[in-house]
C-alpha atoms as a PDB file:
ATOM      1  CA  MET A   1      95.169  66.672  93.710  1.00  0.00           C
ATOM      2  CA  THR A   2      93.043  68.770  95.600  1.00  0.00           C
ATOM      3  CA  ASN A   3      91.897  68.225  98.701  1.00  0.00           C
ATOM      4  CA  PHE A   4      89.828  70.754 100.414  1.00  0.00           C
ATOM      5  CA  VAL A   5      90.690  72.151 103.635  1.00  0.00           C
ATOM      6  CA  PRO A   6      87.726  71.532 106.238  1.00  0.00           C
ATOM      7  CA  THR A   7      86.210  75.083 107.296  1.00  0.00           C
ATOM      8  CA  PRO A   8      86.141  75.208 110.975  1.00  0.00           C
ATOM      9  CA  THR A   9      83.053  75.872 113.077  1.00  0.00           C
ATOM     10  CA  VAL A  10      84.729  78.770 115.132  1.00  0.00           C
ATOM     11  CA  PRO A  11      84.921  81.947 113.524  1.00  0.00           C
ATOM     12  CA  ALA A  12      88.204  82.781 111.359  1.00  0.00           C
ATOM     13  CA  PRO A  13      90.514  85.513 112.986  1.00  0.00           C
ATOM     14  CA  ASP A  14      89.994  89.192 111.488  1.00  0.00           C
ATOM     15  CA  ILE A  15      93.018  89.857 109.569  1.00  0.00           C
ATOM     16  CA  VAL A  16      94.147  93.512 108.632  1.00  0.00           C
ATOM     17  CA  ARG A  17      96.833  92.908 106.425  1.00  0.00           C
ATOM     18  CA  CYS A  18     100.262  91.562 105.719  1.00  0.00           C
ATOM     19  CA  ALA A  19     102.545  92.932 108.183  1.00  0.00           C
ATOM     20  CA  TYR A  20     106.111  91.646 108.405  1.00  0.00           C
ATOM     21  CA  MET A  21     108.276  88.550 106.677  1.00  0.00           C
ATOM     22  CA  GLU A  22     111.042  87.265 108.963  1.00  0.00           C
ATOM     23  CA  ILE A  23     113.455  85.875 106.767  1.00  0.00           C
ATOM     24  CA  VAL A  24     116.621  83.763 107.520  1.00  0.00           C
ATOM     25  CA  VAL A  25     120.112  84.818 105.777  1.00  0.00           C
ATOM     26  CA  THR A  26     123.412  83.211 105.910  1.00  0.00           C
ATOM     27  CA  ASP A  27     125.294  86.330 105.881  1.00  0.00           C
ATOM     28  CA  LEU A  28     124.176  89.059 107.948  1.00  0.00           C
ATOM     29  CA  ALA A  29     126.563  91.977 106.920  1.00  0.00           C
ATOM     30  CA  ARG A  30     125.867  91.415 102.951  1.00  0.00           C
ATOM     31  CA  SER A  31     122.412  91.151 103.542  1.00  0.00           C
ATOM     32  CA  ARG A  32     122.433  94.469 105.532  1.00  0.00           C
ATOM     33  CA  ALA A  33     124.050  96.163 102.406  1.00  0.00           C
ATOM     34  CA  PHE A  34     121.616  95.072 100.218  1.00  0.00           C
ATOM     35  CA  TYR A  35     118.707  95.979 102.361  1.00  0.00           C
ATOM     36  CA  VAL A  36     119.792  99.043 103.740  1.00  0.00           C
ATOM     37  CA  ASP A  37     122.659 100.237 101.727  1.00  0.00           C
ATOM     38  CA  VAL A  38     121.169  99.488  98.465  1.00  0.00           C
ATOM     39  CA  LEU A  39     117.150  99.377  98.686  1.00  0.00           C
ATOM     40  CA  GLY A  40     117.285 102.228 101.626  1.00  0.00           C
ATOM     41  CA  LEU A  41     115.189 100.091 104.282  1.00  0.00           C
ATOM     42  CA  HIS A  42     115.194 101.666 107.787  1.00  0.00           C
ATOM     43  CA  VAL A  43     116.897 100.232 110.670  1.00  0.00           C
ATOM     44  CA  THR A  44     114.622 100.055 113.625  1.00  0.00           C
ATOM     45  CA  GLU A  45     117.094  97.911 115.966  1.00  0.00           C
ATOM     46  CA  GLU A  46     120.054  95.532 114.992  1.00  0.00           C
ATOM     47  CA  ASP A  47     122.426  93.286 117.029  1.00  0.00           C
ATOM     48  CA  GLU A  48     124.954  90.329 116.226  1.00  0.00           C
ATOM     49  CA  ASN A  49     122.152  87.974 114.829  1.00  0.00           C
ATOM     50  CA  ASN A  50     119.154  89.938 113.924  1.00  0.00           C
ATOM     51  CA  ILE A  51     118.166  93.407 111.816  1.00  0.00           C
ATOM     52  CA  TYR A  52     114.765  94.647 112.253  1.00  0.00           C
ATOM     53  CA  LEU A  53     113.817  96.942 109.113  1.00  0.00           C
ATOM     54  CA  ARG A  54     110.758  98.993 108.265  1.00  0.00           C
ATOM     55  CA  SER A  55     109.631 101.068 105.186  1.00  0.00           C
ATOM     56  CA  LEU A  56     109.149 104.717 105.618  1.00  0.00           C
ATOM     57  CA  GLU A  57     105.440 105.014 106.001  1.00  0.00           C
ATOM     58  CA  GLU A  58     105.552 102.167 108.873  1.00  0.00           C
ATOM     59  CA  PHE A  59     104.867 102.843 112.104  1.00  0.00           C
ATOM     60  CA  ILE A  60     104.875  99.083 113.662  1.00  0.00           C
ATOM     61  CA  HIS A  61     108.205  97.769 115.038  1.00  0.00           C
ATOM     62  CA  HIS A  62     109.444  96.234 111.255  1.00  0.00           C
ATOM     63  CA  ASN A  63     108.180  94.946 108.069  1.00  0.00           C
ATOM     64  CA  LEU A  64     111.183  92.383 107.802  1.00  0.00           C
ATOM     65  CA  LEU A  65     113.356  90.702 109.855  1.00  0.00           C
ATOM     66  CA  LEU A  66     116.554  89.268 109.000  1.00  0.00           C
ATOM     67  CA  ARG A  67     117.930  86.717 110.992  1.00  0.00           C
ATOM     68  CA  LYS A  68     121.131  84.980 110.511  1.00  0.00           C
ATOM     69  CA  GLY A  69     120.889  81.448 109.940  1.00  0.00           C
ATOM     70  CA  PRO A  70     122.581  78.279 108.202  1.00  0.00           C
ATOM     71  CA  VAL A  71     119.982  77.841 105.600  1.00  0.00           C
ATOM     72  CA  ALA A  72     118.548  80.886 103.412  1.00  0.00           C
ATOM     73  CA  ALA A  73     114.728  80.329 104.076  1.00  0.00           C
ATOM     74  CA  VAL A  74     111.419  82.045 105.253  1.00  0.00           C
ATOM     75  CA  ALA A  75     110.478  81.347 109.196  1.00  0.00           C
ATOM     76  CA  ALA A  76     107.251  83.436 109.236  1.00  0.00           C
ATOM     77  CA  PHE A  77     104.592  85.341 106.960  1.00  0.00           C
ATOM     78  CA  ALA A  78     102.830  87.863 109.598  1.00  0.00           C
ATOM     79  CA  TYR A  79      99.886  88.926 109.517  1.00  0.00           C
ATOM     80  CA  ARG A  80      98.412  91.915 111.785  1.00  0.00           C
ATOM     81  CA  VAL A  81      94.564  91.402 113.082  1.00  0.00           C
ATOM     82  CA  LYS A  82      92.191  93.881 114.292  1.00  0.00           C
ATOM     83  CA  SER A  83      92.311  93.518 118.148  1.00  0.00           C
ATOM     84  CA  PRO A  84      93.697  91.244 120.850  1.00  0.00           C
ATOM     85  CA  ALA A  85      90.861  88.967 120.680  1.00  0.00           C
ATOM     86  CA  GLU A  86      91.646  88.261 117.310  1.00  0.00           C
ATOM     87  CA  VAL A  87      95.001  86.410 118.393  1.00  0.00           C
ATOM     88  CA  ASP A  88      92.728  83.870 120.573  1.00  0.00           C
ATOM     89  CA  ALA A  89      90.608  83.319 117.425  1.00  0.00           C
ATOM     90  CA  ALA A  90      93.576  82.766 115.272  1.00  0.00           C
ATOM     91  CA  GLU A  91      94.510  79.934 117.889  1.00  0.00           C
ATOM     92  CA  ALA A  92      91.240  78.378 118.105  1.00  0.00           C
ATOM     93  CA  TYR A  93      90.898  78.519 114.451  1.00  0.00           C
ATOM     94  CA  TYR A  94      94.049  76.420 113.774  1.00  0.00           C
ATOM     95  CA  ARG A  95      93.731  74.294 116.549  1.00  0.00           C
ATOM     96  CA  GLU A  96      90.074  72.921 115.092  1.00  0.00           C
ATOM     97  CA  LEU A  97      91.782  72.623 111.902  1.00  0.00           C
ATOM     98  CA  GLY A  98      94.198  70.470 113.554  1.00  0.00           C
ATOM     99  CA  CYS A  99      97.592  72.601 112.388  1.00  0.00           C
ATOM    100  CA  ARG A 100     100.624  72.719 114.793  1.00  0.00           C
ATOM    101  CA  VAL A 101      99.915  75.807 116.808  1.00  0.00           C
ATOM    102  CA  GLU A 102     102.452  77.751 119.301  1.00  0.00           C
ATOM    103  CA  ARG A 103     101.524  80.639 120.994  1.00  0.00           C
ATOM    104  CA  ARG A 104     103.911  83.053 122.623  1.00  0.00           C
ATOM    105  CA  ARG A 105     102.574  85.971 124.943  1.00  0.00           C
ATOM    106  CA  ASP A 106     105.543  88.020 125.039  1.00  0.00           C
ATOM    107  CA  GLY A 107     106.022  87.316 120.974  1.00  0.00           C
ATOM    108  CA  PHE A 108     108.461  85.589 118.696  1.00  0.00           C
ATOM    109  CA  THR A 109     110.343  88.455 118.097  1.00  0.00           C
ATOM    110  CA  LYS A 110     111.302  91.797 119.362  1.00  0.00           C
ATOM    111  CA  GLY A 111     108.929  94.560 118.773  1.00  0.00           C
ATOM    112  CA  ILE A 112     105.910  92.294 118.618  1.00  0.00           C
ATOM    113  CA  GLY A 113     103.697  91.215 121.428  1.00  0.00           C
ATOM    114  CA  ASP A 114     101.283  88.165 121.964  1.00  0.00           C
ATOM    115  CA  SER A 115     101.317  86.241 118.701  1.00  0.00           C
ATOM    116  CA  VAL A 116     100.410  82.481 117.576  1.00  0.00           C
ATOM    117  CA  ARG A 117     102.629  81.038 115.025  1.00  0.00           C
ATOM    118  CA  VAL A 118     101.009  77.973 112.928  1.00  0.00           C
ATOM    119  CA  GLU A 119     102.124  75.301 110.215  1.00  0.00           C
ATOM    120  CA  ASP A 120      99.463  75.900 108.228  1.00  0.00           C
ATOM    121  CA  PRO A 121      97.105  73.674 106.130  1.00  0.00           C
ATOM    122  CA  LEU A 122      99.486  74.297 102.726  1.00  0.00           C
ATOM    123  CA  GLY A 123     102.958  74.013 105.007  1.00  0.00           C
ATOM    124  CA  PHE A 124     103.534  77.668 105.454  1.00  0.00           C
ATOM    125  CA  PRO A 125     104.526  79.647 108.793  1.00  0.00           C
ATOM    126  CA  TYR A 126     101.883  82.036 109.789  1.00  0.00           C
ATOM    127  CA  GLU A 127     101.900  84.533 112.205  1.00  0.00           C
ATOM    128  CA  PHE A 128      98.988  86.599 113.678  1.00  0.00           C
ATOM    129  CA  PHE A 129      99.595  89.276 116.165  1.00  0.00           C
ATOM    130  CA  TYR A 130      97.999  92.652 117.380  1.00  0.00           C
ATOM    131  CA  GLU A 131     100.448  93.786 120.066  1.00  0.00           C
ATOM    132  CA  THR A 132     103.645  95.533 118.970  1.00  0.00           C
ATOM    133  CA  GLU A 133     105.849  98.599 119.413  1.00  0.00           C
ATOM    134  CA  HIS A 134     105.293 101.677 117.851  1.00  0.00           C
ATOM    135  CA  VAL A 135     107.870 103.685 116.388  1.00  0.00           C
ATOM    136  CA  GLU A 136     108.090 106.771 114.539  1.00  0.00           C
ATOM    137  CA  ARG A 137     106.913 106.880 111.265  1.00  0.00           C
ATOM    138  CA  LEU A 138     109.014 108.691 108.657  1.00  0.00           C
ATOM    139  CA  THR A 139     106.693 110.094 106.074  1.00  0.00           C
ATOM    140  CA  GLN A 140     107.646 113.768 106.670  1.00  0.00           C
ATOM    141  CA  ARG A 141     111.219 112.644 107.404  1.00  0.00           C
ATOM    142  CA  TYR A 142     112.458 114.151 103.921  1.00  0.00           C
ATOM    143  CA  ASP A 143     115.902 114.293 105.080  1.00  0.00           C
ATOM    144  CA  LEU A 144     115.766 110.472 104.981  1.00  0.00           C
ATOM    145  CA  TYR A 145     113.788 110.038 101.957  1.00  0.00           C
ATOM    146  CA  SER A 146     115.712 108.600  98.766  1.00  0.00           C
ATOM    147  CA  ALA A 147     115.119 108.487  95.184  1.00  0.00           C
ATOM    148  CA  GLY A 148     114.170 104.664  95.487  1.00  0.00           C
ATOM    149  CA  GLU A 149     112.253 104.758  98.576  1.00  0.00           C
ATOM    150  CA  LEU A 150     110.445 101.890  99.366  1.00  0.00           C
ATOM    151  CA  VAL A 151     107.365 103.234 101.736  1.00  0.00           C
ATOM    152  CA  ARG A 152     105.169  99.923 102.309  1.00  0.00           C
ATOM    153  CA  LEU A 153     105.110  96.262 102.724  1.00  0.00           C
ATOM    154  CA  ASP A 154     102.715  95.235  99.917  1.00  0.00           C
ATOM    155  CA  HIS A 155     102.368  91.860  99.782  1.00  0.00           C
ATOM    156  CA  PHE A 156     103.657  88.280 100.005  1.00  0.00           C
ATOM    157  CA  ASN A 157     103.650  85.407  97.319  1.00  0.00           C
ATOM    158  CA  GLN A 158     103.613  81.783  97.934  1.00  0.00           C
ATOM    159  CA  VAL A 159     104.223  78.821  95.781  1.00  0.00           C
ATOM    160  CA  THR A 160     102.033  75.957  96.370  1.00  0.00           C
ATOM    161  CA  PRO A 161     101.268  72.796  94.327  1.00  0.00           C
ATOM    162  CA  ASP A 162      97.570  72.913  95.057  1.00  0.00           C
ATOM    163  CA  VAL A 163      96.203  76.419  94.255  1.00  0.00           C
ATOM    164  CA  PRO A 164      92.421  75.329  94.317  1.00  0.00           C
ATOM    165  CA  LYS A 165      93.018  73.931  97.951  1.00  0.00           C
ATOM    166  CA  GLY A 166      94.817  77.438  98.798  1.00  0.00           C
ATOM    167  CA  ARG A 167      92.328  79.291  97.637  1.00  0.00           C
ATOM    168  CA  LYS A 168      89.537  77.818  99.267  1.00  0.00           C
ATOM    169  CA  TYR A 169      91.358  77.801 102.621  1.00  0.00           C
ATOM    170  CA  LEU A 170      92.586  81.527 102.095  1.00  0.00           C
ATOM    171  CA  GLU A 171      89.062  82.321 101.562  1.00  0.00           C
ATOM    172  CA  ASP A 172      87.705  80.786 104.543  1.00  0.00           C
ATOM    173  CA  LEU A 173      90.208  82.732 106.614  1.00  0.00           C
ATOM    174  CA  GLY A 174      88.441  86.081 105.088  1.00  0.00           C
ATOM    175  CA  PHE A 175      90.575  86.631 102.170  1.00  0.00           C
ATOM    176  CA  ARG A 176      89.085  87.815  98.916  1.00  0.00           C
ATOM    177  CA  VAL A 177      89.951  86.959  95.369  1.00  0.00           C
ATOM    178  CA  SER A 178      91.007  90.030  93.132  1.00  0.00           C
ATOM    179  CA  GLU A 179      92.502  88.211  90.081  1.00  0.00           C
ATOM    180  CA  ASP A 180      93.266  84.653  89.133  1.00  0.00           C
ATOM    181  CA  ILE A 181      94.924  82.873  86.217  1.00  0.00           C
ATOM    182  CA  LYS A 182      93.060  79.838  84.496  1.00  0.00           C
ATOM    183  CA  ASP A 183      92.963  77.704  81.442  1.00  0.00           C
ATOM    184  CA  SER A 184      89.997  76.436  79.014  1.00  0.00           C
ATOM    185  CA  ASP A 185      90.241  73.023  81.253  1.00  0.00           C
ATOM    186  CA  GLY A 186      89.813  74.803  84.472  1.00  0.00           C
ATOM    187  CA  VAL A 187      93.172  74.652  85.739  1.00  0.00           C
ATOM    188  CA  THR A 188      94.164  77.105  88.204  1.00  0.00           C
ATOM    189  CA  TYR A 189      97.765  78.508  87.963  1.00  0.00           C
ATOM    190  CA  ALA A 190      97.621  81.534  90.375  1.00  0.00           C
ATOM    191  CA  ALA A 191      95.362  83.650  92.340  1.00  0.00           C
ATOM    192  CA  TRP A 192      95.528  87.164  94.127  1.00  0.00           C
ATOM    193  CA  MET A 193      93.861  87.734  97.552  1.00  0.00           C
ATOM    194  CA  HIS A 194      93.500  90.525  99.681  1.00  0.00           C
ATOM    195  CA  ARG A 195      92.507  91.908 103.260  1.00  0.00           C
ATOM    196  CA  LYS A 196      93.464  95.372 102.752  1.00  0.00           C
ATOM    197  CA  GLN A 197      91.845  97.481  99.912  1.00  0.00           C
ATOM    198  CA  THR A 198      94.558  96.612  97.233  1.00  0.00           C
ATOM    199  CA  VAL A 199      94.875  93.633  94.537  1.00  0.00           C
ATOM    200  CA  HIS A 200      96.789  91.414  97.222  1.00  0.00           C
ATOM    201  CA  ASP A 201      98.176  90.450 100.652  1.00  0.00           C
ATOM    202  CA  THR A 202      99.215  87.411  99.440  1.00  0.00           C
ATOM    203  CA  ALA A 203      99.484  85.499  96.086  1.00  0.00           C
ATOM    204  CA  LEU A 204      99.386  81.775  95.338  1.00  0.00           C
ATOM    205  CA  THR A 205     101.491  80.819  92.496  1.00  0.00           C
ATOM    206  CA  GLY A 206     101.011  77.500  91.105  1.00  0.00           C
ATOM    207  CA  GLY A 207     104.203  74.955  91.422  1.00  0.00           C
ATOM    208  CA  ASN A 208     106.793  73.138  93.901  1.00  0.00           C
ATOM    209  CA  GLY A 209     106.318  73.747  97.303  1.00  0.00           C
ATOM    210  CA  PRO A 210     105.613  75.184  99.851  1.00  0.00           C
ATOM    211  CA  ARG A 211     107.795  77.995  98.951  1.00  0.00           C
ATOM    212  CA  MET A 212     107.873  81.577  99.274  1.00  0.00           C
ATOM    213  CA  HIS A 213     108.014  83.385  95.775  1.00  0.00           C
ATOM    214  CA  HIS A 214     108.749  86.753  96.957  1.00  0.00           C
ATOM    215  CA  VAL A 215     107.967  89.635  99.261  1.00  0.00           C
ATOM    216  CA  ALA A 216     106.766  93.183  97.804  1.00  0.00           C
ATOM    217  CA  PHE A 217     107.374  96.466  99.124  1.00  0.00           C
ATOM    218  CA  ALA A 218     105.859  99.555  97.341  1.00  0.00           C
ATOM    219  CA  THR A 219     106.982 102.699  96.140  1.00  0.00           C
ATOM    220  CA  HIS A 220     104.957 106.018  95.312  1.00  0.00           C
ATOM    221  CA  GLU A 221     105.850 106.013  91.391  1.00  0.00           C
ATOM    222  CA  LYS A 222     107.392 104.089  88.850  1.00  0.00           C
ATOM    223  CA  HIS A 223     110.379 106.521  88.694  1.00  0.00           C
ATOM    224  CA  ASN A 224     111.407 105.296  92.027  1.00  0.00           C
ATOM    225  CA  ILE A 225     111.772 101.949  90.882  1.00  0.00           C
ATOM    226  CA  ILE A 226     113.750 102.967  87.630  1.00  0.00           C
ATOM    227  CA  GLN A 227     116.126 105.018  90.381  1.00  0.00           C
ATOM    228  CA  ILE A 228     117.020 101.565  91.584  1.00  0.00           C
ATOM    229  CA  CYS A 229     117.746 100.158  88.865  1.00  0.00           C
ATOM    230  CA  ASP A 230     120.072 102.802  87.920  1.00  0.00           C
ATOM    231  CA  LYS A 231     121.430 102.451  91.719  1.00  0.00           C
ATOM    232  CA  MET A 232     122.055  98.586  91.074  1.00  0.00           C
ATOM    233  CA  GLY A 233     123.593  99.381  87.959  1.00  0.00           C
ATOM    234  CA  ALA A 234     126.168 102.017  89.078  1.00  0.00           C
ATOM    235  CA  LEU A 235     127.179  99.737  91.950  1.00  0.00           C
ATOM    236  CA  ARG A 236     127.682  96.849  89.266  1.00  0.00           C
ATOM    237  CA  ILE A 237     125.112  94.667  90.834  1.00  0.00           C
ATOM    238  CA  SER A 238     122.707  94.646  87.881  1.00  0.00           C
ATOM    239  CA  ASP A 239     122.793  91.065  87.488  1.00  0.00           C
ATOM    240  CA  ARG A 240     120.564  90.669  90.653  1.00  0.00           C
ATOM    241  CA  ILE A 241     117.956  91.926  88.515  1.00  0.00           C
ATOM    242  CA  GLU A 242     115.859  88.753  87.586  1.00  0.00           C
ATOM    243  CA  ARG A 243     112.728  90.291  85.744  1.00  0.00           C
ATOM    244  CA  GLY A 244     111.579  93.887  84.809  1.00  0.00           C
ATOM    245  CA  PRO A 245     111.341  96.912  84.994  1.00  0.00           C
ATOM    246  CA  GLY A 246     107.554  96.378  83.333  1.00  0.00           C
ATOM    247  CA  ARG A 247     104.019  96.450  83.911  1.00  0.00           C
ATOM    248  CA  HIS A 248     102.094  93.422  84.933  1.00  0.00           C
ATOM    249  CA  GLY A 249      98.406  92.510  83.251  1.00  0.00           C
ATOM    250  CA  VAL A 250      97.480  91.137  86.591  1.00  0.00           C
ATOM    251  CA  SER A 251      96.949  93.969  89.406  1.00  0.00           C
ATOM    252  CA  ASN A 252      98.254  96.665  86.429  1.00  0.00           C
ATOM    253  CA  ALA A 253     101.356  97.169  88.516  1.00  0.00           C
ATOM    254  CA  PHE A 254     104.583  98.643  87.709  1.00  0.00           C
ATOM    255  CA  TYR A 255     107.110  96.290  89.119  1.00  0.00           C
ATOM    256  CA  LEU A 256     111.113  95.251  89.172  1.00  0.00           C
ATOM    257  CA  TYR A 257     112.181  91.595  90.479  1.00  0.00           C
ATOM    258  CA  ILE A 258     115.480  91.605  92.286  1.00  0.00           C
ATOM    259  CA  LEU A 259     117.360  89.064  94.367  1.00  0.00           C
ATOM    260  CA  ASP A 260     119.062  89.197  97.495  1.00  0.00           C
ATOM    261  CA  PRO A 261     122.250  87.646  98.384  1.00  0.00           C
ATOM    262  CA  ASP A 262     121.079  84.515  99.336  1.00  0.00           C
ATOM    263  CA  GLY A 263     118.675  84.844  96.371  1.00  0.00           C
ATOM    264  CA  HIS A 264     115.535  85.527  98.297  1.00  0.00           C
ATOM    265  CA  ARG A 265     113.324  87.262  95.508  1.00  0.00           C
ATOM    266  CA  ILE A 266     112.063  91.029  96.291  1.00  0.00           C
ATOM    267  CA  GLU A 267     109.439  92.703  94.376  1.00  0.00           C
ATOM    268  CA  ILE A 268     109.494  96.378  93.902  1.00  0.00           C
ATOM    269  CA  TYR A 269     105.948  97.668  93.046  1.00  0.00           C
ATOM    270  CA  THR A 270     103.722 100.721  92.488  1.00  0.00           C
ATOM    271  CA  GLN A 271     100.343 101.663  91.022  1.00  0.00           C
ATOM    272  CA  ASP A 272      97.762  98.974  91.412  1.00  0.00           C
ATOM    273  CA  TYR A 273      94.293  99.520  92.061  1.00  0.00           C
ATOM    274  CA  TYR A 274      91.713  99.821  94.883  1.00  0.00           C
ATOM    275  CA  THR A 275      89.578  96.767  95.477  1.00  0.00           C
ATOM    276  CA  GLY A 276      87.660  97.800  98.845  1.00  0.00           C
ATOM    277  CA  ASP A 277      84.006  97.434  97.437  1.00  0.00           C
ATOM    278  CA  PRO A 278      81.942  94.242  98.565  1.00  0.00           C
ATOM    279  CA  ASP A 279      81.168  93.585  94.860  1.00  0.00           C
ATOM    280  CA  ASN A 280      84.658  94.194  93.728  1.00  0.00           C
ATOM    281  CA  PRO A 281      84.738  91.836  90.546  1.00  0.00           C
ATOM    282  CA  THR A 282      87.252  89.018  90.168  1.00  0.00           C
ATOM    283  CA  ILE A 283      89.225  89.156  87.152  1.00  0.00           C
ATOM    284  CA  THR A 284      90.236  86.066  85.462  1.00  0.00           C
ATOM    285  CA  TRP A 285      93.063  85.821  83.016  1.00  0.00           C
ATOM    286  CA  ASP A 286      93.775  82.944  80.474  1.00  0.00           C
ATOM    287  CA  VAL A 287      96.919  81.051  80.859  1.00  0.00           C
ATOM    288  CA  HIS A 288      97.543  81.977  77.230  1.00  0.00           C
ATOM    289  CA  ASP A 289      97.039  85.678  77.082  1.00  0.00           C
ATOM    290  CA  ASN A 290     100.362  86.793  77.012  1.00  0.00           C
ATOM    291  CA  GLN A 291      99.308  89.959  78.457  1.00  0.00           C
ATOM    292  CA  ARG A 292      98.803  88.191  82.054  1.00  0.00           C
ATOM    293  CA  ARG A 293     102.032  88.350  83.663  1.00  0.00           C
ATOM    294  CA  ASP A 294     103.530  91.432  81.396  1.00  0.00           C
ATOM    295  CA  TRP A 295     101.375  93.980  79.904  1.00  0.00           C
ATOM    296  CA  TRP A 296     104.499  95.135  78.272  1.00  0.00           C
ATOM    297  CA  GLY A 297     108.252  94.501  78.879  1.00  0.00           C
ATOM    298  CA  ASN A 298     110.493  91.353  78.504  1.00  0.00           C
ATOM    299  CA  PRO A 299     109.090  87.843  78.548  1.00  0.00           C
ATOM    300  CA  VAL A 300     108.972  86.424  81.658  1.00  0.00           C
ATOM    301  CA  VAL A 301     112.350  84.389  82.474  1.00  0.00           C
ATOM    302  CA  PRO A 302     112.434  80.784  83.647  1.00  0.00           C
ATOM    303  CA  SER A 303     114.025  81.213  86.977  1.00  0.00           C
ATOM    304  CA  TRP A 304     110.944  83.321  87.975  1.00  0.00           C
ATOM    305  CA  TYR A 305     108.668  80.172  87.631  1.00  0.00           C
ATOM    306  CA  THR A 306     111.208  77.393  88.964  1.00  0.00           C
ATOM    307  CA  GLU A 307     113.429  79.243  91.704  1.00  0.00           C
ATOM    308  CA  ALA A 308     111.738  79.982  95.444  1.00  0.00           C
ATOM    309  CA  SER A 309     112.689  80.259  98.741  1.00  0.00           C
ATOM    310  CA  LEU A 310     112.253  77.251 101.273  1.00  0.00           C
ATOM    311  CA  VAL A 311     109.983  77.520 104.325  1.00  0.00           C
ATOM    312  CA  LEU A 312     110.519  76.555 107.625  1.00  0.00           C
ATOM    313  CA  ASP A 313     108.504  74.332 110.083  1.00  0.00           C
ATOM    314  CA  LEU A 314     107.875  75.480 113.867  1.00  0.00           C
ATOM    315  CA  ASP A 315     111.063  73.829 115.198  1.00  0.00           C
ATOM    316  CA  GLY A 316     113.111  75.798 112.245  1.00  0.00           C
ATOM    317  CA  ASN A 317     113.800  73.016 109.882  1.00  0.00           C
ATOM    318  CA  PRO A 318     113.150  73.547 106.215  1.00  0.00           C
ATOM    319  CA  GLN A 319     109.470  72.053 104.731  1.00  0.00           C
ATOM    320  CA  PRO A 320     109.840  69.320 102.143  1.00  0.00           C
ATOM    321  CA  VAL A 321     108.894  70.533  98.925  1.00  0.00           C
ATOM    322  CA  ILE A 322     105.822  68.551  97.193  1.00  0.00           C
ATOM    323  CA  GLU A 323     105.887  68.520  93.378  1.00  0.00           C
ATOM    324  CA  ARG A 324     103.024  70.104  91.464  1.00  0.00           C
ATOM    325  CA  GLU A 325     101.157  67.334  89.727  1.00  0.00           C
ATOM    326  CA  GLU A 326      98.934  69.752  87.753  1.00  0.00           C
ATOM    327  CA  LYS A 327     100.365  71.545  84.532  1.00  0.00           C
ATOM    328  CA  SER A 328     102.786  74.474  85.570  1.00  0.00           C
ATOM    329  CA  GLU A 329     102.270  77.752  84.116  1.00  0.00           C
ATOM    330  CA  MET A 330     105.909  77.391  82.751  1.00  0.00           C
ATOM    331  CA  ALA A 331     104.999  74.249  80.818  1.00  0.00           C
ATOM    332  CA  VAL A 332     102.059  75.529  79.098  1.00  0.00           C
ATOM    333  CA  THR A 333     103.357  79.269  78.207  1.00  0.00           C
ATOM    334  CA  VAL A 334     107.169  78.968  78.132  1.00  0.00           C
ATOM    335  CA  GLY A 335     108.864  77.938  74.744  1.00  0.00           C
ATOM    336  CA  ALA A 336     111.866  76.085  73.961  1.00  0.00           C
ATOM    337  CA  ASP A 337     114.053  79.090  74.341  1.00  0.00           C
ATOM    338  CA  GLY A 338     112.737  80.066  77.825  1.00  0.00           C
ATOM    339  CA  PHE A 339     111.520  83.250  76.620  1.00  0.00           C
ATOM    340  CA  SER A 340     108.418  82.604  74.254  1.00  0.00           C
ATOM    341  CA  TYR A 341     105.340  83.959  74.891  1.00  0.00           C
ATOM    342  CA  THR A 342     101.893  81.895  73.909  1.00  0.00           C
ATOM    343  CA  ARG A 343      99.120  83.573  72.023  1.00  0.00           C
ATOM    344  CA  LYS A 344      95.624  82.132  70.924  1.00  0.00           C
ATOM    345  CA  THR A 345      95.148  82.039  67.329  1.00  0.00           C
ATOM    346  CA  ASP A 346      91.985  83.748  67.579  1.00  0.00           C
ATOM    347  CA  GLY A 347      89.979  85.827  69.880  1.00  0.00           C
ATOM    348  CA  PRO A 348      91.162  89.145  71.734  1.00  0.00           C
ATOM    349  CA  GLY A 349      94.762  87.544  72.508  1.00  0.00           C
ATOM    350  CA  ALA A 350      95.318  87.468  68.625  1.00  0.00           C
ATOM    351  CA  GLU A 351      93.769  90.235  67.448  1.00  0.00           C
ATOM    352  CA  SER A 352      93.496  93.852  68.686  1.00  0.00           C
ATOM    353  CA  GLN A 353      93.635  97.436  67.694  1.00  0.00           C
ATOM    354  CA  GLY A 354      93.364  96.591  63.925  1.00  0.00           C
ATOM    355  CA  PHE A 355      96.461  94.001  63.975  1.00  0.00           C
ATOM    356  CA  LYS A 356      96.592  90.882  63.742  1.00  0.00           C
ATOM    357  CA  LEU A 357      99.609  88.394  64.820  1.00  0.00           C
ATOM    358  CA  GLY A 358     101.953  91.762  64.318  1.00  0.00           C
ATOM    359  CA  ALA A 359     100.591  92.220  60.681  1.00  0.00           C
ATOM    360  CA  GLN A 360      98.471  95.174  59.853  1.00  0.00           C
ATOM    361  CA  VAL A 361      95.079  94.619  58.674  1.00  0.00           C
END
């Protein structure tokens, strides 16, 4: 299926980090209650159609924009670039790729200046900006600090039917691969890619797409995530917990996946690792290693593999979803009950620490 994206002759924009996501929600009041009252994100400003939210340590205008609309979807995966000149570079880069490009000198949203939005080679709406309105960083506002405080936007996760194509495209864009999942036939199921010095700014998950799998916010400690679980239980909305808490094998992070009122998936995430050295190694996981997704915890539920949010084109219409032709991770690892692990019958996936397939040896 792979049809590699050509590498432009002009330089790629110098990306600093993932910066914000714009999502469309169908009921702004219900979404506000979820993101502000339950998750504790801080309101920078709001009006009858938009709510601009940020995490505790952020100093740019927003990390998450909730925009009222008729269809729940994602309107922008936004990255901050290193300088104003890099916005020019982004425009030139994507025009040479032959992508649809739109530039607004006053920005596409409040609080963000000169920006470029594109329909990228994978069908995702990417944005690149430098200019932003600076707001109060709340790091030392301990009077506002909650037990489950979300401190940073950490990453995006994108579903695409062709992970190798996406990996090559993002590597050309300057991303580096921290970890991936493959099988013995060379099929790639997922890749984690970064610009900042953590495990990822975005990840590519193999599946029907383009769709948004999740957007992730970081906490300082594991206990912050447990507090969110307790709070959701107390509010009688624990049915919105889709997966976790647990610890990933990939990334090593402690995690929780929850669903907002429209079904957009949010990950709460902490304790991954530094990736900033130039020779940082890529870790490859076998798709049959049952600790790749969960170092420990409950097995992955089927919805985590099958459900994801639509993404919009630059006109605001949902992009058509293309089916993945290669084997899916769910198909090769999840049993008929929907919850089974797979495990090799030999090697480190089956035998370790003096035990073999659950029996002491």
